[in-house]
Amino acid sequence: DPKHPVNPLIGSAGVSAVPMAARVS
């Protein structure tokens, strides 16, 4: 879906270390 790009960095936040992983992304 190239029309709605996702920054791949947010995929790393899928590990459930909240909110550490989101901050790292």
mmCIF file of all heavy atoms, coordinates in Angstrom:
data_MODEL
# 
_entry.id   MODEL 
# 
loop_
_atom_site.group_PDB 
_atom_site.id 
_atom_site.type_symbol 
_atom_site.label_atom_id 
_atom_site.label_alt_id 
_atom_site.label_comp_id 
_atom_site.label_asym_id 
_atom_site.label_entity_id 
_atom_site.label_seq_id 
_atom_site.pdbx_PDB_ins_code 
_atom_site.Cartn_x 
_atom_site.Cartn_y 
_atom_site.Cartn_z 
_atom_site.occupancy 
_atom_site.B_iso_or_equiv 
_atom_site.pdbx_formal_charge 
_atom_site.auth_seq_id 
_atom_site.auth_comp_id 
_atom_site.auth_asym_id 
_atom_site.auth_atom_id 
_atom_site.pdbx_PDB_model_num 
ATOM 1   N N   . ASP A 1 1  ? 0.848  -1.199 0.000  1.00 0.00 ? 1  ASP A N   1 
ATOM 2   C CA  . ASP A 1 1  ? 0.000  0.000  0.000  1.00 0.00 ? 1  ASP A CA  1 
ATOM 3   C C   . ASP A 1 1  ? 0.884  1.251  0.000  1.00 0.00 ? 1  ASP A C   1 
ATOM 4   O O   . ASP A 1 1  ? 1.012  1.939  1.014  1.00 0.00 ? 1  ASP A O   1 
ATOM 5   C CB  . ASP A 1 1  ? -0.913 -0.009 1.233  1.00 0.00 ? 1  ASP A CB  1 
ATOM 6   C CG  . ASP A 1 1  ? -1.904 1.153  1.212  1.00 0.00 ? 1  ASP A CG  1 
ATOM 7   O OD1 . ASP A 1 1  ? -2.052 1.803  0.155  1.00 0.00 ? 1  ASP A OD1 1 
ATOM 8   O OD2 . ASP A 1 1  ? -2.528 1.416  2.262  1.00 0.00 ? 1  ASP A OD2 1 
ATOM 9   N N   . PRO A 1 2  ? 1.521  1.563  -1.151 1.00 0.00 ? 2  PRO A N   1 
ATOM 10  C CA  . PRO A 1 2  ? 2.457  2.692  -1.211 1.00 0.00 ? 2  PRO A CA  1 
ATOM 11  C C   . PRO A 1 2  ? 1.785  4.053  -1.040 1.00 0.00 ? 2  PRO A C   1 
ATOM 12  O O   . PRO A 1 2  ? 2.462  5.045  -0.753 1.00 0.00 ? 2  PRO A O   1 
ATOM 13  C CB  . PRO A 1 2  ? 3.089  2.556  -2.602 1.00 0.00 ? 2  PRO A CB  1 
ATOM 14  C CG  . PRO A 1 2  ? 2.093  1.773  -3.405 1.00 0.00 ? 2  PRO A CG  1 
ATOM 15  C CD  . PRO A 1 2  ? 1.428  0.853  -2.437 1.00 0.00 ? 2  PRO A CD  1 
ATOM 16  N N   . LYS A 1 3  ? 0.455  4.127  -1.197 1.00 0.00 ? 3  LYS A N   1 
ATOM 17  C CA  . LYS A 1 3  ? -0.232 5.415  -1.066 1.00 0.00 ? 3  LYS A CA  1 
ATOM 18  C C   . LYS A 1 3  ? -0.357 5.860  0.394  1.00 0.00 ? 3  LYS A C   1 
ATOM 19  O O   . LYS A 1 3  ? -0.561 7.043  0.664  1.00 0.00 ? 3  LYS A O   1 
ATOM 20  C CB  . LYS A 1 3  ? -1.626 5.335  -1.694 1.00 0.00 ? 3  LYS A CB  1 
ATOM 21  C CG  . LYS A 1 3  ? -1.606 5.139  -3.200 1.00 0.00 ? 3  LYS A CG  1 
ATOM 22  C CD  . LYS A 1 3  ? -3.021 5.120  -3.769 1.00 0.00 ? 3  LYS A CD  1 
ATOM 23  C CE  . LYS A 1 3  ? -3.014 4.952  -5.277 1.00 0.00 ? 3  LYS A CE  1 
ATOM 24  N NZ  . LYS A 1 3  ? -4.394 4.929  -5.845 1.00 0.00 ? 3  LYS A NZ  1 
ATOM 25  N N   . HIS A 1 4  ? -0.266 4.932  1.310  1.00 0.00 ? 4  HIS A N   1 
ATOM 26  C CA  . HIS A 1 4  ? -0.355 5.259  2.736  1.00 0.00 ? 4  HIS A CA  1 
ATOM 27  C C   . HIS A 1 4  ? 0.871  4.676  3.447  1.00 0.00 ? 4  HIS A C   1 
ATOM 28  O O   . HIS A 1 4  ? 0.778  3.654  4.137  1.00 0.00 ? 4  HIS A O   1 
ATOM 29  C CB  . HIS A 1 4  ? -1.643 4.704  3.345  1.00 0.00 ? 4  HIS A CB  1 
ATOM 30  C CG  . HIS A 1 4  ? -2.885 5.215  2.690  1.00 0.00 ? 4  HIS A CG  1 
ATOM 31  N ND1 . HIS A 1 4  ? -3.485 4.561  1.626  1.00 0.00 ? 4  HIS A ND1 1 
ATOM 32  C CD2 . HIS A 1 4  ? -3.628 6.324  2.942  1.00 0.00 ? 4  HIS A CD2 1 
ATOM 33  C CE1 . HIS A 1 4  ? -4.548 5.236  1.243  1.00 0.00 ? 4  HIS A CE1 1 
ATOM 34  N NE2 . HIS A 1 4  ? -4.666 6.312  2.012  1.00 0.00 ? 4  HIS A NE2 1 
ATOM 35  N N   . PRO A 1 5  ? 2.024  5.310  3.246  1.00 0.00 ? 5  PRO A N   1 
ATOM 36  C CA  . PRO A 1 5  ? 3.271  4.738  3.766  1.00 0.00 ? 5  PRO A CA  1 
ATOM 37  C C   . PRO A 1 5  ? 3.331  4.720  5.296  1.00 0.00 ? 5  PRO A C   1 
ATOM 38  O O   . PRO A 1 5  ? 2.805  5.597  5.971  1.00 0.00 ? 5  PRO A O   1 
ATOM 39  C CB  . PRO A 1 5  ? 4.349  5.661  3.191  1.00 0.00 ? 5  PRO A CB  1 
ATOM 40  C CG  . PRO A 1 5  ? 3.648  6.963  2.961  1.00 0.00 ? 5  PRO A CG  1 
ATOM 41  C CD  . PRO A 1 5  ? 2.243  6.594  2.568  1.00 0.00 ? 5  PRO A CD  1 
ATOM 42  N N   . VAL A 1 6  ? 3.964  3.693  5.803  1.00 0.00 ? 6  VAL A N   1 
ATOM 43  C CA  . VAL A 1 6  ? 4.201  3.537  7.234  1.00 0.00 ? 6  VAL A CA  1 
ATOM 44  C C   . VAL A 1 6  ? 5.695  3.626  7.472  1.00 0.00 ? 6  VAL A C   1 
ATOM 45  O O   . VAL A 1 6  ? 6.478  2.972  6.776  1.00 0.00 ? 6  VAL A O   1 
ATOM 46  C CB  . VAL A 1 6  ? 3.673  2.165  7.726  1.00 0.00 ? 6  VAL A CB  1 
ATOM 47  C CG1 . VAL A 1 6  ? 4.092  1.913  9.169  1.00 0.00 ? 6  VAL A CG1 1 
ATOM 48  C CG2 . VAL A 1 6  ? 2.164  2.091  7.585  1.00 0.00 ? 6  VAL A CG2 1 
ATOM 49  N N   . ASN A 1 7  ? 6.100  4.438  8.410  1.00 0.00 ? 7  ASN A N   1 
ATOM 50  C CA  . ASN A 1 7  ? 7.519  4.476  8.752  1.00 0.00 ? 7  ASN A CA  1 
ATOM 51  C C   . ASN A 1 7  ? 7.882  3.147  9.419  1.00 0.00 ? 7  ASN A C   1 
ATOM 52  O O   . ASN A 1 7  ? 7.331  2.809  10.462 1.00 0.00 ? 7  ASN A O   1 
ATOM 53  C CB  . ASN A 1 7  ? 7.812  5.638  9.700  1.00 0.00 ? 7  ASN A CB  1 
ATOM 54  C CG  . ASN A 1 7  ? 9.304  5.875  9.877  1.00 0.00 ? 7  ASN A CG  1 
ATOM 55  O OD1 . ASN A 1 7  ? 10.047 4.958  10.160 1.00 0.00 ? 7  ASN A OD1 1 
ATOM 56  N ND2 . ASN A 1 7  ? 9.732  7.126  9.711  1.00 0.00 ? 7  ASN A ND2 1 
ATOM 57  N N   . PRO A 1 8  ? 8.802  2.376  8.807  1.00 0.00 ? 8  PRO A N   1 
ATOM 58  C CA  . PRO A 1 8  ? 9.108  1.046  9.351  1.00 0.00 ? 8  PRO A CA  1 
ATOM 59  C C   . PRO A 1 8  ? 9.599  1.064  10.796 1.00 0.00 ? 8  PRO A C   1 
ATOM 60  O O   . PRO A 1 8  ? 9.506  0.046  11.488 1.00 0.00 ? 8  PRO A O   1 
ATOM 61  C CB  . PRO A 1 8  ? 10.209 0.530  8.411  1.00 0.00 ? 8  PRO A CB  1 
ATOM 62  C CG  . PRO A 1 8  ? 10.033 1.301  7.148  1.00 0.00 ? 8  PRO A CG  1 
ATOM 63  C CD  . PRO A 1 8  ? 9.557  2.658  7.575  1.00 0.00 ? 8  PRO A CD  1 
ATOM 64  N N   . LEU A 1 9  ? 10.098 2.206  11.244 1.00 0.00 ? 9  LEU A N   1 
ATOM 65  C CA  . LEU A 1 9  ? 10.614 2.279  12.616 1.00 0.00 ? 9  LEU A CA  1 
ATOM 66  C C   . LEU A 1 9  ? 9.535  1.990  13.644 1.00 0.00 ? 9  LEU A C   1 
ATOM 67  O O   . LEU A 1 9  ? 9.819  1.461  14.725 1.00 0.00 ? 9  LEU A O   1 
ATOM 68  C CB  . LEU A 1 9  ? 11.222 3.655  12.879 1.00 0.00 ? 9  LEU A CB  1 
ATOM 69  C CG  . LEU A 1 9  ? 12.467 4.018  12.067 1.00 0.00 ? 9  LEU A CG  1 
ATOM 70  C CD1 . LEU A 1 9  ? 12.914 5.440  12.399 1.00 0.00 ? 9  LEU A CD1 1 
ATOM 71  C CD2 . LEU A 1 9  ? 13.598 3.028  12.338 1.00 0.00 ? 9  LEU A CD2 1 
ATOM 72  N N   . ILE A 1 10 ? 8.279  2.320  13.346 1.00 0.00 ? 10 ILE A N   1 
ATOM 73  C CA  . ILE A 1 10 ? 7.245  2.097  14.344 1.00 0.00 ? 10 ILE A CA  1 
ATOM 74  C C   . ILE A 1 10 ? 6.953  0.607  14.510 1.00 0.00 ? 10 ILE A C   1 
ATOM 75  O O   . ILE A 1 10 ? 6.376  0.190  15.519 1.00 0.00 ? 10 ILE A O   1 
ATOM 76  C CB  . ILE A 1 10 ? 5.941  2.856  14.026 1.00 0.00 ? 10 ILE A CB  1 
ATOM 77  C CG1 . ILE A 1 10 ? 5.203  2.239  12.833 1.00 0.00 ? 10 ILE A CG1 1 
ATOM 78  C CG2 . ILE A 1 10 ? 6.227  4.337  13.782 1.00 0.00 ? 10 ILE A CG2 1 
ATOM 79  C CD1 . ILE A 1 10 ? 3.806  2.791  12.648 1.00 0.00 ? 10 ILE A CD1 1 
ATOM 80  N N   . GLY A 1 11 ? 7.383  -0.213 13.536 1.00 0.00 ? 11 GLY A N   1 
ATOM 81  C CA  . GLY A 1 11 ? 7.192  -1.658 13.668 1.00 0.00 ? 11 GLY A CA  1 
ATOM 82  C C   . GLY A 1 11 ? 7.966  -2.235 14.829 1.00 0.00 ? 11 GLY A C   1 
ATOM 83  O O   . GLY A 1 11 ? 7.533  -3.202 15.459 1.00 0.00 ? 11 GLY A O   1 
ATOM 84  N N   . SER A 1 12 ? 9.104  -1.624 15.151 1.00 0.00 ? 12 SER A N   1 
ATOM 85  C CA  . SER A 1 12 ? 9.909  -2.121 16.272 1.00 0.00 ? 12 SER A CA  1 
ATOM 86  C C   . SER A 1 12 ? 9.201  -1.939 17.595 1.00 0.00 ? 12 SER A C   1 
ATOM 87  O O   . SER A 1 12 ? 9.511  -2.617 18.582 1.00 0.00 ? 12 SER A O   1 
ATOM 88  C CB  . SER A 1 12 ? 11.258 -1.394 16.305 1.00 0.00 ? 12 SER A CB  1 
ATOM 89  O OG  . SER A 1 12 ? 11.072 -0.013 16.608 1.00 0.00 ? 12 SER A OG  1 
ATOM 90  N N   . ALA A 1 13 ? 8.251  -0.999 17.645 1.00 0.00 ? 13 ALA A N   1 
ATOM 91  C CA  . ALA A 1 13 ? 7.511  -0.758 18.879 1.00 0.00 ? 13 ALA A CA  1 
ATOM 92  C C   . ALA A 1 13 ? 6.465  -1.839 19.135 1.00 0.00 ? 13 ALA A C   1 
ATOM 93  O O   . ALA A 1 13 ? 5.776  -1.803 20.153 1.00 0.00 ? 13 ALA A O   1 
ATOM 94  C CB  . ALA A 1 13 ? 6.827  0.612  18.823 1.00 0.00 ? 13 ALA A CB  1 
ATOM 95  N N   . GLY A 1 14 ? 6.358  -2.821 18.234 1.00 0.00 ? 14 GLY A N   1 
ATOM 96  C CA  . GLY A 1 14 ? 5.406  -3.904 18.427 1.00 0.00 ? 14 GLY A CA  1 
ATOM 97  C C   . GLY A 1 14 ? 5.728  -4.783 19.619 1.00 0.00 ? 14 GLY A C   1 
ATOM 98  O O   . GLY A 1 14 ? 4.852  -5.485 20.118 1.00 0.00 ? 14 GLY A O   1 
ATOM 99  N N   . VAL A 1 15 ? 6.999  -4.773 20.049 1.00 0.00 ? 15 VAL A N   1 
ATOM 100 C CA  . VAL A 1 15 ? 7.295  -5.457 21.308 1.00 0.00 ? 15 VAL A CA  1 
ATOM 101 C C   . VAL A 1 15 ? 6.616  -4.661 22.417 1.00 0.00 ? 15 VAL A C   1 
ATOM 102 O O   . VAL A 1 15 ? 6.489  -3.443 22.338 1.00 0.00 ? 15 VAL A O   1 
ATOM 103 C CB  . VAL A 1 15 ? 8.813  -5.554 21.552 1.00 0.00 ? 15 VAL A CB  1 
ATOM 104 C CG1 . VAL A 1 15 ? 9.482  -6.385 20.483 1.00 0.00 ? 15 VAL A CG1 1 
ATOM 105 C CG2 . VAL A 1 15 ? 9.465  -4.189 21.637 1.00 0.00 ? 15 VAL A CG2 1 
ATOM 106 N N   . SER A 1 16 ? 6.170  -5.337 23.449 1.00 0.00 ? 16 SER A N   1 
ATOM 107 C CA  . SER A 1 16 ? 5.233  -4.678 24.368 1.00 0.00 ? 16 SER A CA  1 
ATOM 108 C C   . SER A 1 16 ? 5.892  -3.959 25.536 1.00 0.00 ? 16 SER A C   1 
ATOM 109 O O   . SER A 1 16 ? 5.315  -3.888 26.620 1.00 0.00 ? 16 SER A O   1 
ATOM 110 C CB  . SER A 1 16 ? 4.224  -5.697 24.895 1.00 0.00 ? 16 SER A CB  1 
ATOM 111 O OG  . SER A 1 16 ? 4.888  -6.758 25.535 1.00 0.00 ? 16 SER A OG  1 
ATOM 112 N N   . ALA A 1 17 ? 7.080  -3.440 25.342 1.00 0.00 ? 17 ALA A N   1 
ATOM 113 C CA  . ALA A 1 17 ? 7.722  -2.626 26.375 1.00 0.00 ? 17 ALA A CA  1 
ATOM 114 C C   . ALA A 1 17 ? 7.165  -1.207 26.271 1.00 0.00 ? 17 ALA A C   1 
ATOM 115 O O   . ALA A 1 17 ? 7.671  -0.368 25.545 1.00 0.00 ? 17 ALA A O   1 
ATOM 116 C CB  . ALA A 1 17 ? 9.231  -2.623 26.190 1.00 0.00 ? 17 ALA A CB  1 
ATOM 117 N N   . VAL A 1 18 ? 6.087  -0.957 27.001 1.00 0.00 ? 18 VAL A N   1 
ATOM 118 C CA  . VAL A 1 18 ? 5.365  0.325  26.912 1.00 0.00 ? 18 VAL A CA  1 
ATOM 119 C C   . VAL A 1 18 ? 5.864  1.277  27.986 1.00 0.00 ? 18 VAL A C   1 
ATOM 120 O O   . VAL A 1 18 ? 5.940  0.906  29.156 1.00 0.00 ? 18 VAL A O   1 
ATOM 121 C CB  . VAL A 1 18 ? 3.851  0.097  27.096 1.00 0.00 ? 18 VAL A CB  1 
ATOM 122 C CG1 . VAL A 1 18 ? 3.092  1.411  27.041 1.00 0.00 ? 18 VAL A CG1 1 
ATOM 123 C CG2 . VAL A 1 18 ? 3.314  -0.858 26.055 1.00 0.00 ? 18 VAL A CG2 1 
ATOM 124 N N   . PRO A 1 19 ? 6.122  2.550  27.648 1.00 0.00 ? 19 PRO A N   1 
ATOM 125 C CA  . PRO A 1 19 ? 6.189  3.138  26.301 1.00 0.00 ? 19 PRO A CA  1 
ATOM 126 C C   . PRO A 1 19 ? 7.608  3.231  25.784 1.00 0.00 ? 19 PRO A C   1 
ATOM 127 O O   . PRO A 1 19 ? 7.884  4.017  24.890 1.00 0.00 ? 19 PRO A O   1 
ATOM 128 C CB  . PRO A 1 19 ? 5.613  4.539  26.547 1.00 0.00 ? 19 PRO A CB  1 
ATOM 129 C CG  . PRO A 1 19 ? 6.132  4.890  27.918 1.00 0.00 ? 19 PRO A CG  1 
ATOM 130 C CD  . PRO A 1 19 ? 6.192  3.593  28.700 1.00 0.00 ? 19 PRO A CD  1 
ATOM 131 N N   . MET A 1 20 ? 8.513  2.431  26.374 1.00 0.00 ? 20 MET A N   1 
ATOM 132 C CA  . MET A 1 20 ? 9.929  2.533  26.020 1.00 0.00 ? 20 MET A CA  1 
ATOM 133 C C   . MET A 1 20 ? 10.168 2.330  24.532 1.00 0.00 ? 20 MET A C   1 
ATOM 134 O O   . MET A 1 20 ? 10.879 3.106  23.877 1.00 0.00 ? 20 MET A O   1 
ATOM 135 C CB  . MET A 1 20 ? 10.737 1.513  26.818 1.00 0.00 ? 20 MET A CB  1 
ATOM 136 C CG  . MET A 1 20 ? 10.798 1.766  28.304 1.00 0.00 ? 20 MET A CG  1 
ATOM 137 S SD  . MET A 1 20 ? 11.649 0.437  29.177 1.00 0.00 ? 20 MET A SD  1 
ATOM 138 C CE  . MET A 1 20 ? 10.378 -0.810 29.239 1.00 0.00 ? 20 MET A CE  1 
ATOM 139 N N   . ALA A 1 21 ? 9.573  1.264  23.981 1.00 0.00 ? 21 ALA A N   1 
ATOM 140 C CA  . ALA A 1 21 ? 9.822  0.945  22.576 1.00 0.00 ? 21 ALA A CA  1 
ATOM 141 C C   . ALA A 1 21 ? 9.297  2.038  21.655 1.00 0.00 ? 21 ALA A C   1 
ATOM 142 O O   . ALA A 1 21 ? 9.914  2.356  20.635 1.00 0.00 ? 21 ALA A O   1 
ATOM 143 C CB  . ALA A 1 21 ? 9.180  -0.403 22.233 1.00 0.00 ? 21 ALA A CB  1 
ATOM 144 N N   . ALA A 1 22 ? 8.153  2.641  22.010 1.00 0.00 ? 22 ALA A N   1 
ATOM 145 C CA  . ALA A 1 22 ? 7.609  3.736  21.202 1.00 0.00 ? 22 ALA A CA  1 
ATOM 146 C C   . ALA A 1 22 ? 8.539  4.947  21.236 1.00 0.00 ? 22 ALA A C   1 
ATOM 147 O O   . ALA A 1 22 ? 8.749  5.615  20.214 1.00 0.00 ? 22 ALA A O   1 
ATOM 148 C CB  . ALA A 1 22 ? 6.213  4.111  21.694 1.00 0.00 ? 22 ALA A CB  1 
ATOM 149 N N   . ARG A 1 23 ? 9.091  5.231  22.412 1.00 0.00 ? 23 ARG A N   1 
ATOM 150 C CA  . ARG A 1 23 ? 10.016 6.365  22.521 1.00 0.00 ? 23 ARG A CA  1 
ATOM 151 C C   . ARG A 1 23 ? 11.276 6.128  21.688 1.00 0.00 ? 23 ARG A C   1 
ATOM 152 O O   . ARG A 1 23 ? 11.813 7.053  21.073 1.00 0.00 ? 23 ARG A O   1 
ATOM 153 C CB  . ARG A 1 23 ? 10.381 6.600  23.986 1.00 0.00 ? 23 ARG A CB  1 
ATOM 154 C CG  . ARG A 1 23 ? 9.252  7.153  24.829 1.00 0.00 ? 23 ARG A CG  1 
ATOM 155 C CD  . ARG A 1 23 ? 9.782  7.859  26.063 1.00 0.00 ? 23 ARG A CD  1 
ATOM 156 N NE  . ARG A 1 23 ? 10.547 6.968  26.913 1.00 0.00 ? 23 ARG A NE  1 
ATOM 157 C CZ  . ARG A 1 23 ? 10.085 6.403  28.021 1.00 0.00 ? 23 ARG A CZ  1 
ATOM 158 N NH1 . ARG A 1 23 ? 8.826  6.615  28.394 1.00 0.00 ? 23 ARG A NH1 1 
ATOM 159 N NH2 . ARG A 1 23 ? 10.850 5.622  28.754 1.00 0.00 ? 23 ARG A NH2 1 
ATOM 160 N N   . VAL A 1 24 ? 11.755 4.879  21.684 1.00 0.00 ? 24 VAL A N   1 
ATOM 161 C CA  . VAL A 1 24 ? 12.949 4.560  20.894 1.00 0.00 ? 24 VAL A CA  1 
ATOM 162 C C   . VAL A 1 24 ? 12.652 4.741  19.406 1.00 0.00 ? 24 VAL A C   1 
ATOM 163 O O   . VAL A 1 24 ? 13.478 5.289  18.665 1.00 0.00 ? 24 VAL A O   1 
ATOM 164 C CB  . VAL A 1 24 ? 13.419 3.120  21.185 1.00 0.00 ? 24 VAL A CB  1 
ATOM 165 C CG1 . VAL A 1 24 ? 14.507 2.694  20.202 1.00 0.00 ? 24 VAL A CG1 1 
ATOM 166 C CG2 . VAL A 1 24 ? 13.948 3.018  22.612 1.00 0.00 ? 24 VAL A CG2 1 
ATOM 167 N N   . SER A 1 25 ? 11.481 4.294  18.949 1.00 0.00 ? 25 SER A N   1 
ATOM 168 C CA  . SER A 1 25 ? 11.106 4.481  17.539 1.00 0.00 ? 25 SER A CA  1 
ATOM 169 C C   . SER A 1 25 ? 11.108 5.955  17.174 1.00 0.00 ? 25 SER A C   1 
ATOM 170 O O   . SER A 1 25 ? 11.619 6.357  16.119 1.00 0.00 ? 25 SER A O   1 
ATOM 171 C CB  . SER A 1 25 ? 9.713  3.889  17.289 1.00 0.00 ? 25 SER A CB  1 
ATOM 172 O OG  . SER A 1 25 ? 9.700  2.506  17.506 1.00 0.00 ? 25 SER A OG  1 
# 
